Amino acid sequence: MNRILLIDDDIGLSDLLSQLLELEGFALTQAYDGEQGLSLAQQQDFDLILLDVMLPKLNGFEVLRALRQRKQTPVLMLTARGDEIDRVVGLEIGADDYLPKPFNDRELVARIRAILRRAQTTQQDAQNNDMLQFGDLRLDPTRQETYCNEQLIILTGTEFLLLFHLLEKSGELVTKESLSENVLGKKLMPFDRSLDMHLSNLRKKLPERQDGRPRVKTLRGKGYIWIP
């Protein structure tokens, strides 16, 4: 049974989501402010965290920043509808996805299952690839660990899966549509910057190549090519 931590100060909404998610087979733990949520997230192991932006004591961004210093637990941020800045900031800090409030129950469950499937997909791929070596990068799919020149690089689960898919198609064009479906678990929608933000974060974390060439080439409107 997957364990989910919900951090939201709206008690009524939290109770409704608790009933919904438990009916869907998830084990839910609730926190009603940022401090309590961060403490639970750091002390216990969850498969996914649902994190509201507007929280007392510590807001959602502060919780996510502190969490990412110690853990890479997948995070689905709950943002205000129409507030694009919140979504961009959340993705920059390390959120795996976002969902604007108010949201449809089915959409929430679908997003949760999509994020949880990512880790399962990577583990299944790991059965055929115990270790992947691409130039100065080495990936361990079983542990979801990435090394560059034997130095560990801390990636979120989404960043790891994005890198994994790009490396598997090294030298080939990988469309944004296929990456959105295979990595984010959702169809690419107009003006959705999630994929771009995850790739931007990945680029920042990967050290420069010794030959000075970029690791990824962007073909505007088409997708990306991992340069061998």
C-alpha atoms as a PDB file:
ATOM      1  CA  MET A   1       0.000   0.000   0.000  1.00  0.00           C
ATOM      2  CA  ASN A   2       1.430   3.374  -1.040  1.00  0.00           C
ATOM      3  CA  ARG A   3       1.862   5.918   1.753  1.00  0.00           C
ATOM      4  CA  ILE A   4       0.884   9.518   1.034  1.00  0.00           C
ATOM      5  CA  LEU A   5       1.474  12.598   3.189  1.00  0.00           C
ATOM      6  CA  LEU A   6      -1.033  15.429   2.692  1.00  0.00           C
ATOM      7  CA  ILE A   7       0.096  18.854   3.962  1.00  0.00           C
ATOM      8  CA  ASP A   8      -2.823  21.291   3.775  1.00  0.00           C
ATOM      9  CA  ASP A   9      -4.327  23.649   6.364  1.00  0.00           C
ATOM     10  CA  ASP A  10      -7.851  23.288   4.946  1.00  0.00           C
ATOM     11  CA  ILE A  11      -9.167  20.700   7.394  1.00  0.00           C
ATOM     12  CA  GLY A  12     -12.423  20.151   5.524  1.00  0.00           C
ATOM     13  CA  LEU A  13     -10.657  19.516   2.231  1.00  0.00           C
ATOM     14  CA  SER A  14      -8.077  17.315   3.915  1.00  0.00           C
ATOM     15  CA  ASP A  15     -10.743  15.127   5.455  1.00  0.00           C
ATOM     16  CA  LEU A  16     -12.518  14.741   2.107  1.00  0.00           C
ATOM     17  CA  LEU A  17      -9.247  13.866   0.355  1.00  0.00           C
ATOM     18  CA  SER A  18      -8.426  11.417   3.107  1.00  0.00           C
ATOM     19  CA  GLN A  19     -11.678   9.546   2.501  1.00  0.00           C
ATOM     20  CA  LEU A  20     -11.184   9.624  -1.271  1.00  0.00           C
ATOM     21  CA  LEU A  21      -7.585   8.387  -1.227  1.00  0.00           C
ATOM     22  CA  GLU A  22      -8.226   5.683   1.333  1.00  0.00           C
ATOM     23  CA  LEU A  23     -11.050   4.379  -0.882  1.00  0.00           C
ATOM     24  CA  GLU A  24      -8.480   4.307  -3.719  1.00  0.00           C
ATOM     25  CA  GLY A  25      -6.230   2.098  -1.621  1.00  0.00           C
ATOM     26  CA  PHE A  26      -3.720   4.650  -0.309  1.00  0.00           C
ATOM     27  CA  ALA A  27      -2.600   5.056   3.300  1.00  0.00           C
ATOM     28  CA  LEU A  28      -2.906   8.770   4.122  1.00  0.00           C
ATOM     29  CA  THR A  29      -1.179  10.829   6.816  1.00  0.00           C
ATOM     30  CA  GLN A  30      -2.288  14.433   7.355  1.00  0.00           C
ATOM     31  CA  ALA A  31      -0.484  17.580   8.486  1.00  0.00           C
ATOM     32  CA  TYR A  32      -2.107  20.999   8.826  1.00  0.00           C
ATOM     33  CA  ASP A  33       0.884  23.360   8.803  1.00  0.00           C
ATOM     34  CA  GLY A  34       4.305  23.535   7.212  1.00  0.00           C
ATOM     35  CA  GLU A  35       6.345  22.757  10.299  1.00  0.00           C
ATOM     36  CA  GLN A  36       4.381  19.630  11.158  1.00  0.00           C
ATOM     37  CA  GLY A  37       4.419  18.495   7.530  1.00  0.00           C
ATOM     38  CA  LEU A  38       8.167  18.970   7.145  1.00  0.00           C
ATOM     39  CA  SER A  39       8.844  17.096  10.364  1.00  0.00           C
ATOM     40  CA  LEU A  40       6.740  14.130   9.232  1.00  0.00           C
ATOM     41  CA  ALA A  41       8.275  14.163   5.752  1.00  0.00           C
ATOM     42  CA  GLN A  42      11.809  14.104   7.151  1.00  0.00           C
ATOM     43  CA  GLN A  43      11.233  11.526   9.865  1.00  0.00           C
ATOM     44  CA  GLN A  44       9.104   9.026   7.933  1.00  0.00           C
ATOM     45  CA  ASP A  45       9.237   7.469   4.484  1.00  0.00           C
ATOM     46  CA  PHE A  46       6.359   8.304   2.148  1.00  0.00           C
ATOM     47  CA  ASP A  47       5.811   7.330  -1.469  1.00  0.00           C
ATOM     48  CA  LEU A  48       4.351  10.743  -2.319  1.00  0.00           C
ATOM     49  CA  ILE A  49       3.702  14.121  -0.691  1.00  0.00           C
ATOM     50  CA  LEU A  50       0.746  16.352  -1.568  1.00  0.00           C
ATOM     51  CA  LEU A  51       1.873  19.855  -0.631  1.00  0.00           C
ATOM     52  CA  ASP A  52      -0.240  23.002  -0.568  1.00  0.00           C
ATOM     53  CA  VAL A  53       1.527  26.303  -1.272  1.00  0.00           C
ATOM     54  CA  MET A  54      -0.309  28.493   1.234  1.00  0.00           C
ATOM     55  CA  LEU A  55       0.437  27.077   4.680  1.00  0.00           C
ATOM     56  CA  PRO A  56       0.868  28.543   8.186  1.00  0.00           C
ATOM     57  CA  LYS A  57       4.269  28.532   9.946  1.00  0.00           C
ATOM     58  CA  LEU A  58       6.163  27.427   6.825  1.00  0.00           C
ATOM     59  CA  ASN A  59       4.757  27.870   3.337  1.00  0.00           C
ATOM     60  CA  GLY A  60       4.903  25.119   0.738  1.00  0.00           C
ATOM     61  CA  PHE A  61       8.018  26.508  -0.924  1.00  0.00           C
ATOM     62  CA  GLU A  62       9.915  26.621   2.360  1.00  0.00           C
ATOM     63  CA  VAL A  63       8.862  23.054   3.130  1.00  0.00           C
ATOM     64  CA  LEU A  64       9.987  21.847  -0.296  1.00  0.00           C
ATOM     65  CA  ARG A  65      13.362  23.624  -0.100  1.00  0.00           C
ATOM     66  CA  ALA A  66      14.112  22.101   3.295  1.00  0.00           C
ATOM     67  CA  LEU A  67      12.903  18.658   2.217  1.00  0.00           C
ATOM     68  CA  ARG A  68      15.048  18.604  -0.934  1.00  0.00           C
ATOM     69  CA  GLN A  69      18.186  19.075   1.171  1.00  0.00           C
ATOM     70  CA  ARG A  70      17.631  15.636   2.674  1.00  0.00           C
ATOM     71  CA  LYS A  71      15.103  13.663   0.619  1.00  0.00           C
ATOM     72  CA  GLN A  72      13.910  13.257  -2.944  1.00  0.00           C
ATOM     73  CA  THR A  73      10.400  12.016  -2.108  1.00  0.00           C
ATOM     74  CA  PRO A  74       8.061  12.810  -5.046  1.00  0.00           C
ATOM     75  CA  VAL A  75       6.042  15.985  -4.406  1.00  0.00           C
ATOM     76  CA  LEU A  76       2.795  17.044  -6.081  1.00  0.00           C
ATOM     77  CA  MET A  77       2.166  20.716  -5.295  1.00  0.00           C
ATOM     78  CA  LEU A  78      -1.351  22.074  -4.945  1.00  0.00           C
ATOM     79  CA  THR A  79      -1.416  25.628  -6.331  1.00  0.00           C
ATOM     80  CA  ALA A  80      -3.959  28.393  -6.774  1.00  0.00           C
ATOM     81  CA  ARG A  81      -5.685  28.274 -10.146  1.00  0.00           C
ATOM     82  CA  GLY A  82      -4.203  30.742 -12.607  1.00  0.00           C
ATOM     83  CA  ASP A  83      -1.106  31.447 -10.495  1.00  0.00           C
ATOM     84  CA  GLU A  84       1.586  30.516 -13.002  1.00  0.00           C
ATOM     85  CA  ILE A  85       4.377  31.964 -10.831  1.00  0.00           C
ATOM     86  CA  ASP A  86       3.662  29.501  -8.013  1.00  0.00           C
ATOM     87  CA  ARG A  87       3.856  26.595 -10.430  1.00  0.00           C
ATOM     88  CA  VAL A  88       7.144  27.721 -11.957  1.00  0.00           C
ATOM     89  CA  VAL A  89       8.717  28.363  -8.552  1.00  0.00           C
ATOM     90  CA  GLY A  90       7.568  24.975  -7.270  1.00  0.00           C
ATOM     91  CA  LEU A  91       9.079  23.175 -10.250  1.00  0.00           C
ATOM     92  CA  GLU A  92      12.325  25.151  -9.931  1.00  0.00           C
ATOM     93  CA  ILE A  93      12.663  24.116  -6.293  1.00  0.00           C
ATOM     94  CA  GLY A  94      12.094  20.462  -7.110  1.00  0.00           C
ATOM     95  CA  ALA A  95       8.374  19.635  -7.231  1.00  0.00           C
ATOM     96  CA  ASP A  96       7.560  16.705  -9.505  1.00  0.00           C
ATOM     97  CA  ASP A  97       4.239  18.074 -10.697  1.00  0.00           C
ATOM     98  CA  TYR A  98       1.521  20.556  -9.784  1.00  0.00           C
ATOM     99  CA  LEU A  99      -2.264  20.599  -9.717  1.00  0.00           C
ATOM    100  CA  PRO A 100      -4.289  23.844  -9.581  1.00  0.00           C
ATOM    101  CA  LYS A 101      -7.083  24.196  -7.026  1.00  0.00           C
ATOM    102  CA  PRO A 102      -9.957  23.522  -7.217  1.00  0.00           C
ATOM    103  CA  PHE A 103      -9.302  20.200  -8.894  1.00  0.00           C
ATOM    104  CA  ASN A 104     -11.332  17.222  -9.983  1.00  0.00           C
ATOM    105  CA  ASP A 105     -11.006  14.154  -7.746  1.00  0.00           C
ATOM    106  CA  ARG A 106     -10.332  11.905 -10.725  1.00  0.00           C
ATOM    107  CA  GLU A 107      -7.597  14.211 -11.966  1.00  0.00           C
ATOM    108  CA  LEU A 108      -5.887  14.150  -8.567  1.00  0.00           C
ATOM    109  CA  VAL A 109      -5.944  10.350  -8.394  1.00  0.00           C
ATOM    110  CA  ALA A 110      -4.675  10.130 -11.987  1.00  0.00           C
ATOM    111  CA  ARG A 111      -1.750  12.472 -11.232  1.00  0.00           C
ATOM    112  CA  ILE A 112      -0.867  10.521  -8.097  1.00  0.00           C
ATOM    113  CA  ARG A 113      -0.870   7.186  -9.919  1.00  0.00           C
ATOM    114  CA  ALA A 114       1.194   8.664 -12.762  1.00  0.00           C
ATOM    115  CA  ILE A 115       3.910   9.852 -10.356  1.00  0.00           C
ATOM    116  CA  LEU A 116       3.963   6.527  -8.530  1.00  0.00           C
ATOM    117  CA  ARG A 117       4.222   4.675 -11.849  1.00  0.00           C
ATOM    118  CA  ARG A 118       7.430   6.523 -12.680  1.00  0.00           C
ATOM    119  CA  ALA A 119       9.384   4.820  -9.945  1.00  0.00           C
ATOM    120  CA  GLN A 120       7.881   1.437 -10.860  1.00  0.00           C
ATOM    121  CA  THR A 121       8.782   1.963 -14.528  1.00  0.00           C
ATOM    122  CA  THR A 122      12.371   2.771 -13.633  1.00  0.00           C
ATOM    123  CA  GLN A 123      12.597  -0.323 -11.445  1.00  0.00           C
ATOM    124  CA  GLN A 124      11.256  -2.494 -14.290  1.00  0.00           C
ATOM    125  CA  ASP A 125      13.791  -1.010 -16.689  1.00  0.00           C
ATOM    126  CA  ALA A 126      16.476  -1.727 -14.114  1.00  0.00           C
ATOM    127  CA  GLN A 127      15.853  -5.464 -14.488  1.00  0.00           C
ATOM    128  CA  ASN A 128      17.335  -5.241 -17.983  1.00  0.00           C
ATOM    129  CA  ASN A 129      19.952  -2.618 -17.198  1.00  0.00           C
ATOM    130  CA  ASP A 130      21.812  -3.172 -13.951  1.00  0.00           C
ATOM    131  CA  MET A 131      24.089  -0.215 -14.713  1.00  0.00           C
ATOM    132  CA  LEU A 132      24.143   2.310 -17.544  1.00  0.00           C
ATOM    133  CA  GLN A 133      27.334   4.066 -18.621  1.00  0.00           C
ATOM    134  CA  PHE A 134      27.229   7.017 -21.014  1.00  0.00           C
ATOM    135  CA  GLY A 135      30.500   8.904 -21.269  1.00  0.00           C
ATOM    136  CA  ASP A 136      31.205  10.458 -17.893  1.00  0.00           C
ATOM    137  CA  LEU A 137      27.733   9.567 -16.560  1.00  0.00           C
ATOM    138  CA  ARG A 138      26.798   6.347 -14.806  1.00  0.00           C
ATOM    139  CA  LEU A 139      23.226   5.510 -13.819  1.00  0.00           C
ATOM    140  CA  ASP A 140      22.098   2.898 -11.338  1.00  0.00           C
ATOM    141  CA  PRO A 141      18.369   2.415 -12.141  1.00  0.00           C
ATOM    142  CA  THR A 142      17.863   0.045  -9.210  1.00  0.00           C
ATOM    143  CA  ARG A 143      18.845   2.711  -6.675  1.00  0.00           C
ATOM    144  CA  GLN A 144      17.917   5.673  -8.890  1.00  0.00           C
ATOM    145  CA  GLU A 145      21.412   7.079  -8.426  1.00  0.00           C
ATOM    146  CA  THR A 146      23.427   9.118 -10.909  1.00  0.00           C
ATOM    147  CA  TYR A 147      27.185   9.622 -10.903  1.00  0.00           C
ATOM    148  CA  CYS A 148      29.361  11.951 -12.965  1.00  0.00           C
ATOM    149  CA  ASN A 149      33.057  10.998 -12.854  1.00  0.00           C
ATOM    150  CA  GLU A 150      32.125   8.871  -9.818  1.00  0.00           C
ATOM    151  CA  GLN A 151      30.628  11.849  -7.962  1.00  0.00           C
ATOM    152  CA  LEU A 152      27.033  11.341  -6.807  1.00  0.00           C
ATOM    153  CA  ILE A 153      24.519  13.812  -8.268  1.00  0.00           C
ATOM    154  CA  ILE A 154      21.319  14.264  -6.290  1.00  0.00           C
ATOM    155  CA  LEU A 155      18.322  14.100  -8.640  1.00  0.00           C
ATOM    156  CA  THR A 156      14.608  13.940  -7.980  1.00  0.00           C
ATOM    157  CA  GLY A 157      12.799  10.866  -9.247  1.00  0.00           C
ATOM    158  CA  THR A 158      11.400  12.852 -12.169  1.00  0.00           C
ATOM    159  CA  GLU A 159      14.813  14.253 -13.109  1.00  0.00           C
ATOM    160  CA  PHE A 160      16.329  10.774 -12.973  1.00  0.00           C
ATOM    161  CA  LEU A 161      13.628   9.320 -15.221  1.00  0.00           C
ATOM    162  CA  LEU A 162      14.000  12.227 -17.668  1.00  0.00           C
ATOM    163  CA  LEU A 163      17.764  11.644 -17.845  1.00  0.00           C
ATOM    164  CA  PHE A 164      17.202   7.894 -18.205  1.00  0.00           C
ATOM    165  CA  HIS A 165      14.900   8.353 -21.224  1.00  0.00           C
ATOM    166  CA  LEU A 166      17.220  10.866 -22.910  1.00  0.00           C
ATOM    167  CA  LEU A 167      20.233   8.601 -22.468  1.00  0.00           C
ATOM    168  CA  GLU A 168      18.359   5.577 -23.821  1.00  0.00           C
ATOM    169  CA  LYS A 169      17.782   7.569 -27.039  1.00  0.00           C
ATOM    170  CA  SER A 170      21.231   9.174 -27.102  1.00  0.00           C
ATOM    171  CA  GLY A 171      21.823  10.943 -30.402  1.00  0.00           C
ATOM    172  CA  GLU A 172      18.155  10.721 -31.402  1.00  0.00           C
ATOM    173  CA  LEU A 173      15.385  13.294 -31.298  1.00  0.00           C
ATOM    174  CA  VAL A 174      13.057  12.658 -28.363  1.00  0.00           C
ATOM    175  CA  THR A 175       9.796  14.569 -28.733  1.00  0.00           C
ATOM    176  CA  LYS A 176       8.320  16.593 -25.926  1.00  0.00           C
ATOM    177  CA  GLU A 177       5.072  14.654 -26.351  1.00  0.00           C
ATOM    178  CA  SER A 178       6.739  11.294 -25.705  1.00  0.00           C
ATOM    179  CA  LEU A 179       8.731  12.638 -22.754  1.00  0.00           C
ATOM    180  CA  SER A 180       5.637  14.170 -21.205  1.00  0.00           C
ATOM    181  CA  GLU A 181       3.751  10.872 -21.438  1.00  0.00           C
ATOM    182  CA  ASN A 182       6.647   8.591 -20.434  1.00  0.00           C
ATOM    183  CA  VAL A 183       8.221  10.784 -17.756  1.00  0.00           C
ATOM    184  CA  LEU A 184       5.397  12.950 -16.402  1.00  0.00           C
ATOM    185  CA  GLY A 185       2.620  10.476 -17.083  1.00  0.00           C
ATOM    186  CA  LYS A 186       0.384  13.014 -18.821  1.00  0.00           C
ATOM    187  CA  LYS A 187      -0.273  14.347 -22.311  1.00  0.00           C
ATOM    188  CA  LEU A 188       1.581  17.494 -23.277  1.00  0.00           C
ATOM    189  CA  MET A 189      -0.748  20.469 -22.986  1.00  0.00           C
ATOM    190  CA  PRO A 190      -0.329  23.945 -24.496  1.00  0.00           C
ATOM    191  CA  PHE A 191       1.604  26.339 -22.223  1.00  0.00           C
ATOM    192  CA  ASP A 192       2.532  23.553 -19.775  1.00  0.00           C
ATOM    193  CA  ARG A 193       6.131  24.292 -18.761  1.00  0.00           C
ATOM    194  CA  SER A 194       6.621  21.308 -16.463  1.00  0.00           C
ATOM    195  CA  LEU A 195       8.894  19.396 -18.820  1.00  0.00           C
ATOM    196  CA  ASP A 196      10.981  22.479 -19.635  1.00  0.00           C
ATOM    197  CA  MET A 197      11.472  23.221 -15.944  1.00  0.00           C
ATOM    198  CA  HIS A 198      12.544  19.661 -15.111  1.00  0.00           C
ATOM    199  CA  LEU A 199      15.064  19.717 -17.955  1.00  0.00           C
ATOM    200  CA  SER A 200      16.348  23.108 -16.818  1.00  0.00           C
ATOM    201  CA  ASN A 201      16.879  21.742 -13.297  1.00  0.00           C
ATOM    202  CA  LEU A 202      18.644  18.681 -14.726  1.00  0.00           C
ATOM    203  CA  ARG A 203      20.972  20.832 -16.820  1.00  0.00           C
ATOM    204  CA  LYS A 204      21.926  22.893 -13.762  1.00  0.00           C
ATOM    205  CA  LYS A 205      22.780  19.803 -11.722  1.00  0.00           C
ATOM    206  CA  LEU A 206      24.907  18.041 -14.346  1.00  0.00           C
ATOM    207  CA  PRO A 207      28.544  19.250 -14.492  1.00  0.00           C
ATOM    208  CA  GLU A 208      29.864  20.623 -17.764  1.00  0.00           C
ATOM    209  CA  ARG A 209      31.446  18.161 -20.156  1.00  0.00           C
ATOM    210  CA  GLN A 210      35.206  18.253 -20.441  1.00  0.00           C
ATOM    211  CA  ASP A 211      34.977  18.972 -24.169  1.00  0.00           C
ATOM    212  CA  GLY A 212      32.764  21.990 -23.492  1.00  0.00           C
ATOM    213  CA  ARG A 213      29.885  20.695 -25.633  1.00  0.00           C
ATOM    214  CA  PRO A 214      26.313  20.883 -24.303  1.00  0.00           C
ATOM    215  CA  ARG A 215      24.804  17.649 -23.033  1.00  0.00           C
ATOM    216  CA  VAL A 216      21.352  18.330 -24.466  1.00  0.00           C
ATOM    217  CA  LYS A 217      20.327  20.164 -27.622  1.00  0.00           C
ATOM    218  CA  THR A 218      16.873  21.711 -27.769  1.00  0.00           C
ATOM    219  CA  LEU A 219      14.983  21.710 -31.058  1.00  0.00           C
ATOM    220  CA  ARG A 220      12.352  24.388 -30.537  1.00  0.00           C
ATOM    221  CA  GLY A 221       8.847  23.061 -30.905  1.00  0.00           C
ATOM    222  CA  LYS A 222      10.068  19.482 -31.429  1.00  0.00           C
ATOM    223  CA  GLY A 223      12.007  18.086 -28.516  1.00  0.00           C
ATOM    224  CA  TYR A 224      15.507  17.309 -27.318  1.00  0.00           C
ATOM    225  CA  ILE A 225      18.614  15.418 -28.427  1.00  0.00           C
ATOM    226  CA  TRP A 226      21.126  14.023 -25.952  1.00  0.00           C
ATOM    227  CA  ILE A 227      24.517  14.653 -27.551  1.00  0.00           C
ATOM    228  CA  PRO A 228      26.737  11.510 -27.367  1.00  0.00           C
END
